[in-house]
């Protein structure tokens, strides 16, 4: 049964994401798994996650293997709202995995960061 208090925004094709999921399970927790590439994001959801992590949209922007550069999101003039809007339209732009628990939220890169909130 999934533990509703732990959610991982997961990409099963990503080794770090798979390792983070394994670490959560090794701690005896079966998290709620959100495959964000399929489920997508809402602007409100991303803003909530950013607030919980204390990070900016630029901090969680994935560049490698994404359209970030062609969308000009790497330009220092790109605003927080522009980046978030692009993430809603292109979920791959969000770095992974992100884990949310009652203790907070982290971008689990490196994956050991997940231990801080379990």
PDB file of N, CA and C in Angstrom:
ATOM      1  N   UNK A   1       0.847  -1.181   0.000  1.00  0.00           N
ATOM      2  CA  UNK A   1       0.000   0.000   0.000  1.00  0.00           C
ATOM      3  C   UNK A   1       0.893   1.245   0.000  1.00  0.00           C
ATOM      4  N   UNK A   2       0.554   2.227  -0.799  1.00  0.00           N
ATOM      5  CA  UNK A   2       1.349   3.449  -0.897  1.00  0.00           C
ATOM      6  C   UNK A   2       1.181   4.296   0.358  1.00  0.00           C
ATOM      7  N   UNK A   3       2.277   4.931   0.753  1.00  0.00           N
ATOM      8  CA  UNK A   3       2.262   5.861   1.875  1.00  0.00           C
ATOM      9  C   UNK A   3       1.942   7.233   1.301  1.00  0.00           C
ATOM     10  N   UNK A   4       0.749   7.733   1.587  1.00  0.00           N
ATOM     11  CA  UNK A   4       0.287   8.997   1.011  1.00  0.00           C
ATOM     12  C   UNK A   4       1.138  10.178   1.451  1.00  0.00           C
ATOM     13  N   UNK A   5       1.958   9.987   2.493  1.00  0.00           N
ATOM     14  CA  UNK A   5       2.766  11.105   2.967  1.00  0.00           C
ATOM     15  C   UNK A   5       4.093  11.225   2.223  1.00  0.00           C
ATOM     16  N   UNK A   6       4.394  10.288   1.325  1.00  0.00           N
ATOM     17  CA  UNK A   6       5.622  10.345   0.538  1.00  0.00           C
ATOM     18  C   UNK A   6       5.258  10.202  -0.939  1.00  0.00           C
ATOM     19  N   UNK A   7       5.661  11.202  -1.710  1.00  0.00           N
ATOM     20  CA  UNK A   7       5.409  11.183  -3.152  1.00  0.00           C
ATOM     21  C   UNK A   7       6.723  11.389  -3.873  1.00  0.00           C
ATOM     22  N   UNK A   8       6.962  10.572  -4.888  1.00  0.00           N
ATOM     23  CA  UNK A   8       8.134  10.756  -5.737  1.00  0.00           C
ATOM     24  C   UNK A   8       7.649  11.085  -7.139  1.00  0.00           C
ATOM     25  N   UNK A   9       8.158  12.179  -7.670  1.00  0.00           N
ATOM     26  CA  UNK A   9       7.915  12.554  -9.058  1.00  0.00           C
ATOM     27  C   UNK A   9       9.053  11.893  -9.823  1.00  0.00           C
ATOM     28  N   UNK A  10       8.701  10.858 -10.552  1.00  0.00           N
ATOM     29  CA  UNK A  10       9.630   9.830 -11.001  1.00  0.00           C
ATOM     30  C   UNK A  10       9.660   9.703 -12.517  1.00  0.00           C
ATOM     31  N   UNK A  11      10.864   9.426 -13.014  1.00  0.00           N
ATOM     32  CA  UNK A  11      11.043   9.052 -14.407  1.00  0.00           C
ATOM     33  C   UNK A  11      11.729   7.688 -14.391  1.00  0.00           C
ATOM     34  N   UNK A  12      11.008   6.621 -14.725  1.00  0.00           N
ATOM     35  CA  UNK A  12      11.597   5.286 -14.640  1.00  0.00           C
ATOM     36  C   UNK A  12      12.789   5.063 -15.569  1.00  0.00           C
ATOM     37  N   UNK A  13      12.994   5.931 -16.543  1.00  0.00           N
ATOM     38  CA  UNK A  13      14.136   5.800 -17.440  1.00  0.00           C
ATOM     39  C   UNK A  13      15.409   6.408 -16.848  1.00  0.00           C
ATOM     40  N   UNK A  14      15.289   7.074 -15.709  1.00  0.00           N
ATOM     41  CA  UNK A  14      16.415   7.780 -15.085  1.00  0.00           C
ATOM     42  C   UNK A  14      17.000   6.935 -13.956  1.00  0.00           C
ATOM     43  N   UNK A  15      18.302   6.674 -14.009  1.00  0.00           N
ATOM     44  CA  UNK A  15      18.963   5.881 -12.982  1.00  0.00           C
ATOM     45  C   UNK A  15      18.878   6.518 -11.602  1.00  0.00           C
ATOM     46  N   UNK A  16      19.067   7.822 -11.507  1.00  0.00           N
ATOM     47  CA  UNK A  16      18.978   8.500 -10.209  1.00  0.00           C
ATOM     48  C   UNK A  16      17.576   8.374  -9.642  1.00  0.00           C
ATOM     49  N   UNK A  17      16.588   8.499 -10.493  1.00  0.00           N
ATOM     50  CA  UNK A  17      15.201   8.377 -10.058  1.00  0.00           C
ATOM     51  C   UNK A  17      14.922   6.950  -9.572  1.00  0.00           C
ATOM     52  N   UNK A  18      15.393   5.958 -10.304  1.00  0.00           N
ATOM     53  CA  UNK A  18      15.208   4.560  -9.889  1.00  0.00           C
ATOM     54  C   UNK A  18      15.915   4.285  -8.567  1.00  0.00           C
ATOM     55  N   UNK A  19      17.142   4.808  -8.407  1.00  0.00           N
ATOM     56  CA  UNK A  19      17.899   4.597  -7.165  1.00  0.00           C
ATOM     57  C   UNK A  19      17.222   5.284  -5.981  1.00  0.00           C
ATOM     58  N   UNK A  20      16.653   6.452  -6.220  1.00  0.00           N
ATOM     59  CA  UNK A  20      15.948   7.166  -5.153  1.00  0.00           C
ATOM     60  C   UNK A  20      14.711   6.392  -4.733  1.00  0.00           C
ATOM     61  N   UNK A  21      13.970   5.889  -5.692  1.00  0.00           N
ATOM     62  CA  UNK A  21      12.799   5.071  -5.387  1.00  0.00           C
ATOM     63  C   UNK A  21      13.209   3.842  -4.573  1.00  0.00           C
ATOM     64  N   UNK A  22      14.313   3.208  -4.955  1.00  0.00           N
ATOM     65  CA  UNK A  22      14.804   2.035  -4.223  1.00  0.00           C
ATOM     66  C   UNK A  22      15.185   2.411  -2.788  1.00  0.00           C
ATOM     67  N   UNK A  23      15.784   3.580  -2.583  1.00  0.00           N
ATOM     68  CA  UNK A  23      16.163   4.026  -1.233  1.00  0.00           C
ATOM     69  C   UNK A  23      14.932   4.269  -0.371  1.00  0.00           C
ATOM     70  N   UNK A  24      13.903   4.831  -0.963  1.00  0.00           N
ATOM     71  CA  UNK A  24      12.646   5.066  -0.231  1.00  0.00           C
ATOM     72  C   UNK A  24      12.053   3.723   0.188  1.00  0.00           C
ATOM     73  N   UNK A  25      12.026   2.794  -0.738  1.00  0.00           N
ATOM     74  CA  UNK A  25      11.483   1.469  -0.432  1.00  0.00           C
ATOM     75  C   UNK A  25      12.349   0.742   0.600  1.00  0.00           C
ATOM     76  N   UNK A  26      13.667   0.920   0.525  1.00  0.00           N
ATOM     77  CA  UNK A  26      14.563   0.290   1.496  1.00  0.00           C
ATOM     78  C   UNK A  26      14.318   0.837   2.904  1.00  0.00           C
ATOM     79  N   UNK A  27      13.782   2.049   2.993  1.00  0.00           N
ATOM     80  CA  UNK A  27      13.432   2.644   4.285  1.00  0.00           C
ATOM     81  C   UNK A  27      12.082   2.128   4.781  1.00  0.00           C
ATOM     82  N   UNK A  28      11.485   1.197   4.038  1.00  0.00           N
ATOM     83  CA  UNK A  28      10.217   0.604   4.451  1.00  0.00           C
ATOM     84  C   UNK A  28       8.996   1.405   4.046  1.00  0.00           C
ATOM     85  N   UNK A  29       9.170   2.276   3.071  1.00  0.00           N
ATOM     86  CA  UNK A  29       8.075   3.143   2.625  1.00  0.00           C
ATOM     87  C   UNK A  29       7.727   2.805   1.181  1.00  0.00           C
ATOM     88  N   UNK A  30       6.441   2.650   0.921  1.00  0.00           N
ATOM     89  CA  UNK A  30       5.976   2.504  -0.460  1.00  0.00           C
ATOM     90  C   UNK A  30       5.349   3.842  -0.828  1.00  0.00           C
ATOM     91  N   UNK A  31       6.072   4.660  -1.611  1.00  0.00           N
ATOM     92  CA  UNK A  31       5.584   6.007  -1.913  1.00  0.00           C
ATOM     93  C   UNK A  31       4.508   6.021  -2.991  1.00  0.00           C
ATOM     94  N   UNK A  32       3.826   7.133  -3.059  1.00  0.00           N
ATOM     95  CA  UNK A  32       2.971   7.415  -4.204  1.00  0.00           C
ATOM     96  C   UNK A  32       3.922   7.793  -5.334  1.00  0.00           C
ATOM     97  N   UNK A  33       3.800   7.143  -6.460  1.00  0.00           N
ATOM     98  CA  UNK A  33       4.694   7.386  -7.595  1.00  0.00           C
ATOM     99  C   UNK A  33       3.928   8.150  -8.665  1.00  0.00           C
ATOM    100  N   UNK A  34       4.472   9.297  -9.031  1.00  0.00           N
ATOM    101  CA  UNK A  34       3.887  10.102 -10.100  1.00  0.00           C
ATOM    102  C   UNK A  34       4.882  10.112 -11.256  1.00  0.00           C
ATOM    103  N   UNK A  35       4.524   9.456 -12.333  1.00  0.00           N
ATOM    104  CA  UNK A  35       5.367   9.501 -13.532  1.00  0.00           C
ATOM    105  C   UNK A  35       5.030  10.800 -14.254  1.00  0.00           C
ATOM    106  N   UNK A  36       5.774  11.831 -13.901  1.00  0.00           N
ATOM    107  CA  UNK A  36       5.413  13.181 -14.342  1.00  0.00           C
ATOM    108  C   UNK A  36       5.489  13.382 -15.851  1.00  0.00           C
ATOM    109  N   UNK A  37       6.246  12.550 -16.553  1.00  0.00           N
ATOM    110  CA  UNK A  37       6.278  12.693 -18.013  1.00  0.00           C
ATOM    111  C   UNK A  37       4.938  12.295 -18.622  1.00  0.00           C
ATOM    112  N   UNK A  38       4.224  11.388 -17.949  1.00  0.00           N
ATOM    113  CA  UNK A  38       2.893  10.985 -18.403  1.00  0.00           C
ATOM    114  C   UNK A  38       1.818  11.891 -17.805  1.00  0.00           C
ATOM    115  N   UNK A  39       1.945  12.179 -16.520  1.00  0.00           N
ATOM    116  CA  UNK A  39       0.911  12.944 -15.803  1.00  0.00           C
ATOM    117  C   UNK A  39       0.978  14.441 -16.092  1.00  0.00           C
ATOM    118  N   UNK A  40       2.176  14.931 -16.381  1.00  0.00           N
ATOM    119  CA  UNK A  40       2.352  16.362 -16.594  1.00  0.00           C
ATOM    120  C   UNK A  40       2.349  17.124 -15.279  1.00  0.00           C
ATOM    121  N   UNK A  41       2.386  18.439 -15.389  1.00  0.00           N
ATOM    122  CA  UNK A  41       2.423  19.343 -14.240  1.00  0.00           C
ATOM    123  C   UNK A  41       1.353  20.403 -14.404  1.00  0.00           C
ATOM    124  N   UNK A  42       0.936  20.963 -13.295  1.00  0.00           N
ATOM    125  CA  UNK A  42       0.155  22.197 -13.343  1.00  0.00           C
ATOM    126  C   UNK A  42       1.048  23.292 -12.802  1.00  0.00           C
ATOM    127  N   UNK A  43       0.722  24.498 -13.152  1.00  0.00           N
ATOM    128  CA  UNK A  43       1.508  25.628 -12.664  1.00  0.00           C
ATOM    129  C   UNK A  43       1.442  25.697 -11.138  1.00  0.00           C
ATOM    130  N   UNK A  44       0.252  25.491 -10.582  1.00  0.00           N
ATOM    131  CA  UNK A  44       0.080  25.541  -9.123  1.00  0.00           C
ATOM    132  C   UNK A  44       0.913  24.452  -8.443  1.00  0.00           C
ATOM    133  N   UNK A  45       0.939  23.269  -9.034  1.00  0.00           N
ATOM    134  CA  UNK A  45       1.694  22.161  -8.466  1.00  0.00           C
ATOM    135  C   UNK A  45       3.190  22.481  -8.449  1.00  0.00           C
ATOM    136  N   UNK A  46       3.701  22.994  -9.562  1.00  0.00           N
ATOM    137  CA  UNK A  46       5.122  23.353  -9.623  1.00  0.00           C
ATOM    138  C   UNK A  46       5.458  24.454  -8.621  1.00  0.00           C
ATOM    139  N   UNK A  47       4.595  25.445  -8.507  1.00  0.00           N
ATOM    140  CA  UNK A  47       4.853  26.522  -7.542  1.00  0.00           C
ATOM    141  C   UNK A  47       4.853  25.987  -6.113  1.00  0.00           C
ATOM    142  N   UNK A  48       3.952  25.055  -5.816  1.00  0.00           N
ATOM    143  CA  UNK A  48       3.909  24.455  -4.474  1.00  0.00           C
ATOM    144  C   UNK A  48       5.194  23.683  -4.201  1.00  0.00           C
ATOM    145  N   UNK A  49       5.653  22.909  -5.170  1.00  0.00           N
ATOM    146  CA  UNK A  49       6.885  22.125  -5.017  1.00  0.00           C
ATOM    147  C   UNK A  49       8.084  23.051  -4.852  1.00  0.00           C
ATOM    148  N   UNK A  50       8.128  24.112  -5.637  1.00  0.00           N
ATOM    149  CA  UNK A  50       9.242  25.056  -5.520  1.00  0.00           C
ATOM    150  C   UNK A  50       9.272  25.679  -4.123  1.00  0.00           C
ATOM    151  N   UNK A  51       8.099  26.035  -3.620  1.00  0.00           N
ATOM    152  CA  UNK A  51       8.032  26.618  -2.282  1.00  0.00           C
ATOM    153  C   UNK A  51       8.528  25.614  -1.236  1.00  0.00           C
ATOM    154  N   UNK A  52       8.107  24.366  -1.355  1.00  0.00           N
ATOM    155  CA  UNK A  52       8.517  23.327  -0.405  1.00  0.00           C
ATOM    156  C   UNK A  52      10.017  23.051  -0.454  1.00  0.00           C
ATOM    157  N   UNK A  53      10.592  23.074  -1.643  1.00  0.00           N
ATOM    158  CA  UNK A  53      12.024  22.788  -1.790  1.00  0.00           C
ATOM    159  C   UNK A  53      12.890  24.003  -1.505  1.00  0.00           C
ATOM    160  N   UNK A  54      12.300  25.196  -1.613  1.00  0.00           N
ATOM    161  CA  UNK A  54      13.097  26.409  -1.465  1.00  0.00           C
ATOM    162  C   UNK A  54      13.946  26.700  -2.690  1.00  0.00           C
ATOM    163  N   UNK A  55      13.597  26.060  -3.795  1.00  0.00           N
ATOM    164  CA  UNK A  55      14.348  26.238  -5.038  1.00  0.00           C
ATOM    165  C   UNK A  55      13.572  27.126  -5.996  1.00  0.00           C
ATOM    166  N   UNK A  56      14.279  27.623  -6.996  1.00  0.00           N
ATOM    167  CA  UNK A  56      13.632  28.394  -8.061  1.00  0.00           C
ATOM    168  C   UNK A  56      13.376  27.469  -9.239  1.00  0.00           C
ATOM    169  N   UNK A  57      12.565  27.931 -10.162  1.00  0.00           N
ATOM    170  CA  UNK A  57      12.313  27.145 -11.374  1.00  0.00           C
ATOM    171  C   UNK A  57      13.621  26.898 -12.119  1.00  0.00           C
ATOM    172  N   UNK A  58      14.492  27.881 -12.135  1.00  0.00           N
ATOM    173  CA  UNK A  58      15.793  27.715 -12.799  1.00  0.00           C
ATOM    174  C   UNK A  58      16.603  26.602 -12.121  1.00  0.00           C
ATOM    175  N   UNK A  59      16.478  26.478 -10.788  1.00  0.00           N
ATOM    176  CA  UNK A  59      17.207  25.446 -10.048  1.00  0.00           C
ATOM    177  C   UNK A  59      16.780  24.039 -10.434  1.00  0.00           C
ATOM    178  N   UNK A  60      15.535  23.861 -10.841  1.00  0.00           N
ATOM    179  CA  UNK A  60      15.049  22.517 -11.192  1.00  0.00           C
ATOM    180  C   UNK A  60      14.906  22.344 -12.706  1.00  0.00           C
ATOM    181  N   UNK A  61      15.435  23.280 -13.464  1.00  0.00           N
ATOM    182  CA  UNK A  61      15.363  23.213 -14.927  1.00  0.00           C
ATOM    183  C   UNK A  61      16.365  22.196 -15.453  1.00  0.00           C
ATOM    184  N   UNK A  62      15.861  21.214 -16.149  1.00  0.00           N
ATOM    185  CA  UNK A  62      16.724  20.227 -16.800  1.00  0.00           C
ATOM    186  C   UNK A  62      17.047  20.742 -18.190  1.00  0.00           C
ATOM    187  N   UNK A  63      18.324  20.753 -18.521  1.00  0.00           N
ATOM    188  CA  UNK A  63      18.753  21.273 -19.816  1.00  0.00           C
ATOM    189  C   UNK A  63      19.102  20.136 -20.768  1.00  0.00           C
ATOM    190  N   UNK A  64      19.889  19.180 -20.280  1.00  0.00           N
ATOM    191  CA  UNK A  64      20.342  18.073 -21.136  1.00  0.00           C
ATOM    192  C   UNK A  64      19.155  17.227 -21.596  1.00  0.00           C
ATOM    193  N   UNK A  65      19.073  17.010 -22.896  1.00  0.00           N
ATOM    194  CA  UNK A  65      18.020  16.160 -23.446  1.00  0.00           C
ATOM    195  C   UNK A  65      16.648  16.804 -23.471  1.00  0.00           C
ATOM    196  N   UNK A  66      16.606  18.137 -23.384  1.00  0.00           N
ATOM    197  CA  UNK A  66      15.330  18.861 -23.358  1.00  0.00           C
ATOM    198  C   UNK A  66      15.380  20.024 -24.348  1.00  0.00           C
ATOM    199  N   UNK A  67      14.232  20.658 -24.602  1.00  0.00           N
ATOM    200  CA  UNK A  67      14.214  21.840 -25.471  1.00  0.00           C
ATOM    201  C   UNK A  67      14.519  23.147 -24.726  1.00  0.00           C
ATOM    202  N   UNK A  68      15.176  23.079 -23.569  1.00  0.00           N
ATOM    203  CA  UNK A  68      15.420  24.280 -22.757  1.00  0.00           C
ATOM    204  C   UNK A  68      16.147  25.382 -23.523  1.00  0.00           C
ATOM    205  N   UNK A  69      17.188  25.018 -24.248  1.00  0.00           N
ATOM    206  CA  UNK A  69      17.957  26.037 -24.967  1.00  0.00           C
ATOM    207  C   UNK A  69      17.167  26.620 -26.127  1.00  0.00           C
ATOM    208  N   UNK A  70      16.485  25.762 -26.896  1.00  0.00           N
ATOM    209  CA  UNK A  70      15.727  26.288 -28.030  1.00  0.00           C
ATOM    210  C   UNK A  70      14.564  27.162 -27.564  1.00  0.00           C
ATOM    211  N   UNK A  71      14.052  26.905 -26.351  1.00  0.00           N
ATOM    212  CA  UNK A  71      12.992  27.743 -25.785  1.00  0.00           C
ATOM    213  C   UNK A  71      13.549  28.984 -25.089  1.00  0.00           C
ATOM    214  N   UNK A  72      14.881  29.116 -25.125  1.00  0.00           N
ATOM    215  CA  UNK A  72      15.591  30.267 -24.547  1.00  0.00           C
ATOM    216  C   UNK A  72      15.436  30.359 -23.028  1.00  0.00           C
ATOM    217  N   UNK A  73      15.263  29.217 -22.391  1.00  0.00           N
ATOM    218  CA  UNK A  73      15.100  29.186 -20.938  1.00  0.00           C
ATOM    219  C   UNK A  73      16.428  29.299 -20.214  1.00  0.00           C
ATOM    220  N   UNK A  74      17.530  29.076 -20.927  1.00  0.00           N
ATOM    221  CA  UNK A  74      18.847  29.226 -20.322  1.00  0.00           C
ATOM    222  C   UNK A  74      19.310  30.680 -20.349  1.00  0.00           C
ATOM    223  N   UNK A  75      18.582  31.521 -21.046  1.00  0.00           N
ATOM    224  CA  UNK A  75      18.870  32.957 -21.084  1.00  0.00           C
ATOM    225  C   UNK A  75      18.620  33.536 -19.691  1.00  0.00           C
ATOM    226  N   UNK A  76      19.585  34.255 -19.131  1.00  0.00           N
ATOM    227  CA  UNK A  76      19.393  34.837 -17.801  1.00  0.00           C
ATOM    228  C   UNK A  76      18.161  35.747 -17.704  1.00  0.00           C
ATOM    229  N   UNK A  77      17.668  36.216 -18.838  1.00  0.00           N
ATOM    230  CA  UNK A  77      16.483  37.090 -18.839  1.00  0.00           C
ATOM    231  C   UNK A  77      15.170  36.309 -18.741  1.00  0.00           C
ATOM    232  N   UNK A  78      15.234  34.979 -18.894  1.00  0.00           N
ATOM    233  CA  UNK A  78      14.015  34.165 -18.779  1.00  0.00           C
ATOM    234  C   UNK A  78      13.497  34.290 -17.349  1.00  0.00           C
ATOM    235  N   UNK A  79      12.219  34.597 -17.228  1.00  0.00           N
ATOM    236  CA  UNK A  79      11.634  34.809 -15.907  1.00  0.00           C
ATOM    237  C   UNK A  79      11.184  33.488 -15.282  1.00  0.00           C
ATOM    238  N   UNK A  80      10.932  33.527 -13.986  1.00  0.00           N
ATOM    239  CA  UNK A  80      10.417  32.372 -13.257  1.00  0.00           C
ATOM    240  C   UNK A  80       9.118  31.876 -13.903  1.00  0.00           C
ATOM    241  N   UNK A  81       8.205  32.797 -14.192  1.00  0.00           N
ATOM    242  CA  UNK A  81       6.934  32.403 -14.803  1.00  0.00           C
ATOM    243  C   UNK A  81       7.128  31.810 -16.193  1.00  0.00           C
ATOM    244  N   UNK A  82       8.046  32.347 -16.971  1.00  0.00           N
ATOM    245  CA  UNK A  82       8.299  31.786 -18.301  1.00  0.00           C
ATOM    246  C   UNK A  82       8.818  30.352 -18.193  1.00  0.00           C
ATOM    247  N   UNK A  83       9.706  30.128 -17.244  1.00  0.00           N
ATOM    248  CA  UNK A  83      10.268  28.787 -17.069  1.00  0.00           C
ATOM    249  C   UNK A  83       9.185  27.824 -16.591  1.00  0.00           C
ATOM    250  N   UNK A  84       8.391  28.245 -15.613  1.00  0.00           N
ATOM    251  CA  UNK A  84       7.316  27.380 -15.108  1.00  0.00           C
ATOM    252  C   UNK A  84       6.308  27.076 -16.211  1.00  0.00           C
ATOM    253  N   UNK A  85       5.911  28.085 -16.968  1.00  0.00           N
ATOM    254  CA  UNK A  85       4.971  27.858 -18.073  1.00  0.00           C
ATOM    255  C   UNK A  85       5.534  26.841 -19.067  1.00  0.00           C
ATOM    256  N   UNK A  86       6.832  26.946 -19.363  1.00  0.00           N
ATOM    257  CA  UNK A  86       7.463  25.992 -20.281  1.00  0.00           C
ATOM    258  C   UNK A  86       7.464  24.584 -19.687  1.00  0.00           C
ATOM    259  N   UNK A  87       7.678  24.490 -18.372  1.00  0.00           N
ATOM    260  CA  UNK A  87       7.672  23.183 -17.698  1.00  0.00           C
ATOM    261  C   UNK A  87       6.293  22.533 -17.755  1.00  0.00           C
ATOM    262  N   UNK A  88       5.267  23.345 -17.681  1.00  0.00           N
ATOM    263  CA  UNK A  88       3.902  22.814 -17.797  1.00  0.00           C
ATOM    264  C   UNK A  88       3.695  22.253 -19.203  1.00  0.00           C
ATOM    265  N   UNK A  89       4.184  22.957 -20.201  1.00  0.00           N
ATOM    266  CA  UNK A  89       4.036  22.512 -21.587  1.00  0.00           C
ATOM    267  C   UNK A  89       4.978  21.390 -21.976  1.00  0.00           C
ATOM    268  N   UNK A  90       6.112  21.297 -21.292  1.00  0.00           N
ATOM    269  CA  UNK A  90       7.146  20.296 -21.603  1.00  0.00           C
ATOM    270  C   UNK A  90       7.642  19.695 -20.284  1.00  0.00           C
ATOM    271  N   UNK A  91       6.950  18.710 -19.743  1.00  0.00           N
ATOM    272  CA  UNK A  91       7.319  18.154 -18.433  1.00  0.00           C
ATOM    273  C   UNK A  91       8.768  17.679 -18.316  1.00  0.00           C
ATOM    274  N   UNK A  92       9.384  17.314 -19.439  1.00  0.00           N
ATOM    275  CA  UNK A  92      10.770  16.852 -19.438  1.00  0.00           C
ATOM    276  C   UNK A  92      11.728  17.935 -18.939  1.00  0.00           C
ATOM    277  N   UNK A  93      11.284  19.185 -18.930  1.00  0.00           N
ATOM    278  CA  UNK A  93      12.132  20.293 -18.489  1.00  0.00           C
ATOM    279  C   UNK A  93      12.386  20.294 -16.981  1.00  0.00           C
ATOM    280  N   UNK A  94      11.652  19.477 -16.240  1.00  0.00           N
ATOM    281  CA  UNK A  94      11.830  19.428 -14.787  1.00  0.00           C
ATOM    282  C   UNK A  94      12.834  18.339 -14.441  1.00  0.00           C
ATOM    283  N   UNK A  95      13.866  18.724 -13.706  1.00  0.00           N
ATOM    284  CA  UNK A  95      14.872  17.769 -13.246  1.00  0.00           C
ATOM    285  C   UNK A  95      14.223  16.780 -12.293  1.00  0.00           C
ATOM    286  N   UNK A  96      14.745  15.593 -12.226  1.00  0.00           N
ATOM    287  CA  UNK A  96      14.142  14.563 -11.408  1.00  0.00           C
ATOM    288  C   UNK A  96      15.207  13.812 -10.630  1.00  0.00           C
ATOM    289  N   UNK A  97      14.772  13.090  -9.616  1.00  0.00           N
ATOM    290  CA  UNK A  97      13.435  12.974  -9.027  1.00  0.00           C
ATOM    291  C   UNK A  97      13.210  14.044  -7.966  1.00  0.00           C
ATOM    292  N   UNK A  98      11.981  14.400  -7.785  1.00  0.00           N
ATOM    293  CA  UNK A  98      11.587  15.275  -6.691  1.00  0.00           C
ATOM    294  C   UNK A  98      10.772  14.421  -5.729  1.00  0.00           C
ATOM    295  N   UNK A  99      11.112  14.523  -4.452  1.00  0.00           N
ATOM    296  CA  UNK A  99      10.419  13.739  -3.428  1.00  0.00           C
ATOM    297  C   UNK A  99       9.812  14.709  -2.420  1.00  0.00           C
ATOM    298  N   UNK A 100       8.538  14.489  -2.114  1.00  0.00           N
ATOM    299  CA  UNK A 100       7.801  15.322  -1.172  1.00  0.00           C
ATOM    300  C   UNK A 100       7.330  14.434  -0.018  1.00  0.00           C
ATOM    301  N   UNK A 101       7.614  14.865   1.217  1.00  0.00           N
ATOM    302  CA  UNK A 101       7.159  14.160   2.415  1.00  0.00           C
ATOM    303  C   UNK A 101       6.602  15.185   3.395  1.00  0.00           C
ATOM    304  N   UNK A 102       6.147  14.706   4.532  1.00  0.00           N
ATOM    305  CA  UNK A 102       5.668  15.612   5.583  1.00  0.00           C
ATOM    306  C   UNK A 102       6.787  16.504   6.104  1.00  0.00           C
ATOM    307  N   UNK A 103       8.031  16.056   5.961  1.00  0.00           N
ATOM    308  CA  UNK A 103       9.187  16.811   6.457  1.00  0.00           C
ATOM    309  C   UNK A 103       9.696  17.853   5.462  1.00  0.00           C
ATOM    310  N   UNK A 104       9.187  17.839   4.235  1.00  0.00           N
ATOM    311  CA  UNK A 104       9.644  18.783   3.225  1.00  0.00           C
ATOM    312  C   UNK A 104       9.741  18.144   1.859  1.00  0.00           C
ATOM    313  N   UNK A 105      10.546  18.765   1.025  1.00  0.00           N
ATOM    314  CA  UNK A 105      10.708  18.271  -0.341  1.00  0.00           C
ATOM    315  C   UNK A 105      12.141  18.520  -0.796  1.00  0.00           C
ATOM    316  N   UNK A 106      12.630  17.626  -1.648  1.00  0.00           N
ATOM    317  CA  UNK A 106      13.971  17.780  -2.203  1.00  0.00           C
ATOM    318  C   UNK A 106      13.988  17.373  -3.667  1.00  0.00           C
ATOM    319  N   UNK A 107      14.900  18.008  -4.389  1.00  0.00           N
ATOM    320  CA  UNK A 107      15.316  17.499  -5.683  1.00  0.00           C
ATOM    321  C   UNK A 107      16.432  16.525  -5.321  1.00  0.00           C
ATOM    322  N   UNK A 108      16.176  15.253  -5.464  1.00  0.00           N
ATOM    323  CA  UNK A 108      17.092  14.223  -4.974  1.00  0.00           C
ATOM    324  C   UNK A 108      18.239  13.979  -5.951  1.00  0.00           C
ATOM    325  N   UNK A 109      19.038  15.006  -6.143  1.00  0.00           N
ATOM    326  CA  UNK A 109      20.252  14.933  -6.938  1.00  0.00           C
ATOM    327  C   UNK A 109      21.347  15.588  -6.128  1.00  0.00           C
ATOM    328  N   UNK A 110      22.218  14.823  -5.510  1.00  0.00           N
ATOM    329  CA  UNK A 110      22.304  13.372  -5.574  1.00  0.00           C
ATOM    330  C   UNK A 110      21.180  12.707  -4.784  1.00  0.00           C
ATOM    331  N   UNK A 111      20.971  11.450  -5.064  1.00  0.00           N
ATOM    332  CA  UNK A 111      19.823  10.746  -4.494  1.00  0.00           C
ATOM    333  C   UNK A 111      19.884  10.657  -2.977  1.00  0.00           C
ATOM    334  N   UNK A 112      21.072  10.788  -2.397  1.00  0.00           N
ATOM    335  CA  UNK A 112      21.199  10.716  -0.940  1.00  0.00           C
ATOM    336  C   UNK A 112      20.437  11.829  -0.228  1.00  0.00           C
ATOM    337  N   UNK A 113      20.116  12.896  -0.926  1.00  0.00           N
ATOM    338  CA  UNK A 113      19.348  13.990  -0.326  1.00  0.00           C
ATOM    339  C   UNK A 113      17.995  13.526   0.180  1.00  0.00           C
ATOM    340  N   UNK A 114      17.471  12.427  -0.366  1.00  0.00           N
ATOM    341  CA  UNK A 114      16.157  11.942   0.039  1.00  0.00           C
ATOM    342  C   UNK A 114      16.154  11.536   1.512  1.00  0.00           C
ATOM    343  N   UNK A 115      17.293  11.099   2.022  1.00  0.00           N
ATOM    344  CA  UNK A 115      17.363  10.659   3.421  1.00  0.00           C
ATOM    345  C   UNK A 115      17.079  11.801   4.403  1.00  0.00           C
ATOM    346  N   UNK A 116      17.308  13.041   3.964  1.00  0.00           N
ATOM    347  CA  UNK A 116      17.064  14.208   4.830  1.00  0.00           C
ATOM    348  C   UNK A 116      15.585  14.417   5.150  1.00  0.00           C
ATOM    349  N   UNK A 117      14.702  13.856   4.311  1.00  0.00           N
ATOM    350  CA  UNK A 117      13.270  14.119   4.506  1.00  0.00           C
ATOM    351  C   UNK A 117      12.437  12.872   4.765  1.00  0.00           C
ATOM    352  N   UNK A 118      13.095  11.721   4.871  1.00  0.00           N
ATOM    353  CA  UNK A 118      12.347  10.487   5.161  1.00  0.00           C
ATOM    354  C   UNK A 118      12.135  10.331   6.654  1.00  0.00           C
TER     355      UNK A 118
END
